Every structure is written in C-alpha cells, then in structure tokens.
C-alpha cells in the first residue's frame, strides 16, 4: 500500500496558468487536508506562542511551483514592487529574475 505522502503526491494536479503576453505560471493544486499545528510543551526550544497544539483543516488551494519572476509579477500587477526600482538595472534586465523586496499590500 502506498504511503500517505505518495498518495498525496498522486492527487496533486499540476497545470499552467496563462498570464498573458506569453507569460505563464506553473501551478500545483494542493488537496484539502488536516495537520497538527503547534508544538507540545515538552518540545525543546518551543515557545508558548506555539501552543496549544490543535488539528487544523485546510481547504484546497493552488500554489506556484517556482519563485515568482519579474515578468509574472508585471503580468498580474502591472508593475514591479516599488522597492525593486532601487535595484541594479542589470538585475531587472531579464524578466526571468525572481521578484524581491516585496512588502505590505499592493491591492
């Protein structure tokens, strides 16, 4: 019988989201599930804000399988995060570089 991890991996569906302008985003559908969140009081190095332990149910969601690139961010948001404008222009020359310096809300 396959392990729980193997069964979860076979349930994970991958797909490509087209963002426009030839830009795509590789995604994976993560199935719903439950996990035990928090640390037991007996765990060395744990903190009080990690307790109490409890079971958490998570709804299904989609997740990018790679870091978001500059081109992907621009396709969705229309521009790069403001803090990225201070970076070396050579870093920004390729839309394949990862987005960095993302802070706060951009909505």
Protein backbone atom coordinates (compact mmCIF):
# COMPACT_ATOMS: atom_id res chain seq x y z
CA UNK A 1 0.00 0.00 0.00
CA UNK A 2 1.46 3.44 -0.94
CA UNK A 3 2.39 5.81 1.87
CA UNK A 4 0.20 8.82 2.71
CA UNK A 5 2.84 11.07 1.12
CA UNK A 6 2.82 9.03 -2.11
CA UNK A 7 -1.00 9.16 -2.23
CA UNK A 8 -0.92 12.94 -1.67
CA UNK A 9 1.60 13.40 -4.47
CA UNK A 10 -0.55 11.42 -6.89
CA UNK A 11 -3.57 13.60 -6.01
CA UNK A 12 -1.64 16.80 -6.67
CA UNK A 13 -2.51 18.14 -10.10
CA UNK A 14 -0.14 20.44 -11.94
CA UNK A 15 -1.21 22.97 -14.53
CA UNK A 16 -0.01 26.05 -16.38
CA UNK A 17 -1.79 29.36 -15.82
CA UNK A 18 -1.50 31.71 -18.80
CA UNK A 19 -0.99 35.28 -17.58
CA UNK A 20 -0.97 37.00 -20.99
CA UNK A 21 1.80 38.28 -23.20
CA UNK A 22 3.35 34.81 -23.42
CA UNK A 23 3.96 34.71 -19.66
CA UNK A 24 2.93 31.55 -17.81
CA UNK A 25 2.90 30.38 -14.21
CA UNK A 26 3.43 26.74 -13.25
CA UNK A 27 0.93 25.79 -10.56
CA UNK A 28 0.00 22.81 -8.41
CA UNK A 29 -3.42 22.13 -6.91
CA UNK A 30 -2.98 21.20 -3.25
CA UNK A 31 -5.79 18.98 -1.94
CA UNK A 32 -7.68 19.71 1.25
CA UNK A 33 -6.37 18.05 4.36
CA UNK A 34 -5.64 18.32 8.06
CA UNK A 35 -2.46 18.65 10.08
CA UNK A 36 -1.40 19.07 13.69
CA UNK A 37 -0.29 22.67 14.26
CA UNK A 38 1.78 23.78 17.22
CA UNK A 39 4.40 22.30 19.49
CA UNK A 40 3.94 20.17 22.58
CA UNK A 41 5.05 21.80 25.84
CA UNK A 42 7.72 19.09 26.11
CA UNK A 43 9.43 20.09 22.83
CA UNK A 44 12.87 21.59 23.48
CA UNK A 45 13.21 25.10 22.11
CA UNK A 46 9.48 25.61 21.55
CA UNK A 47 7.72 28.80 22.64
CA UNK A 48 4.42 29.48 24.38
CA UNK A 49 3.01 31.10 21.21
CA UNK A 50 3.25 27.66 19.54
CA UNK A 51 0.63 26.20 21.90
CA UNK A 52 -1.84 24.74 22.30
CA UNK A 53 -1.44 22.06 19.65
CA UNK A 54 -4.55 21.64 17.55
CA UNK A 55 -5.75 19.94 14.41
CA UNK A 56 -6.25 22.37 11.53
CA UNK A 57 -8.32 21.74 8.42
CA UNK A 58 -7.09 23.39 5.23
CA UNK A 59 -9.26 23.95 2.15
CA UNK A 60 -7.80 23.04 -1.24
CA UNK A 61 -5.68 25.76 -2.83
CA UNK A 62 -3.28 26.41 -5.71
CA UNK A 63 0.40 27.17 -5.27
CA UNK A 64 3.10 28.27 -7.68
CA UNK A 65 5.78 25.61 -8.08
CA UNK A 66 8.63 28.11 -8.64
CA UNK A 67 9.54 31.56 -7.30
CA UNK A 68 7.56 34.36 -8.98
CA UNK A 69 9.56 36.09 -11.71
CA UNK A 70 9.59 39.78 -12.60
CA UNK A 71 7.67 39.02 -15.81
CA UNK A 72 4.98 37.11 -13.91
CA UNK A 73 4.61 39.87 -11.31
CA UNK A 74 4.29 42.51 -14.05
CA UNK A 75 1.70 40.41 -15.90
CA UNK A 76 -0.51 40.24 -12.79
CA UNK A 77 0.23 43.53 -11.00
CA UNK A 78 1.15 45.79 -13.93
CA UNK A 79 4.47 46.97 -12.46
CA UNK A 80 7.25 45.76 -10.20
CA UNK A 81 7.07 46.31 -6.43
CA UNK A 82 8.18 49.89 -5.65
CA UNK A 83 11.23 48.78 -3.63
CA UNK A 84 12.59 46.89 -6.66
CA UNK A 85 13.04 50.17 -8.54
CA UNK A 86 16.16 50.80 -6.44
CA UNK A 87 17.91 47.65 -7.71
CA UNK A 88 20.70 47.48 -10.25
CA UNK A 89 19.21 47.77 -13.76
CA UNK A 90 21.20 44.71 -14.86
CA UNK A 91 19.26 42.61 -12.33
CA UNK A 92 16.00 43.92 -13.76
CA UNK A 93 17.04 43.40 -17.41
CA UNK A 94 15.63 39.88 -17.55
CA UNK A 95 12.02 39.17 -16.68
CA UNK A 96 13.19 35.71 -15.60
CA UNK A 97 14.78 37.02 -12.39
CA UNK A 98 12.84 36.44 -9.16
CA UNK A 99 10.78 39.23 -7.65
CA UNK A 100 12.43 40.54 -4.47
CA UNK A 101 11.75 43.27 -1.90
CA UNK A 102 8.01 42.64 -1.70
CA UNK A 103 6.48 44.36 1.33
CA UNK A 104 2.94 45.01 2.53
CA UNK A 105 -0.20 45.16 0.46
CA UNK A 106 -0.37 46.03 -3.23
CA UNK A 107 -4.14 45.97 -3.63
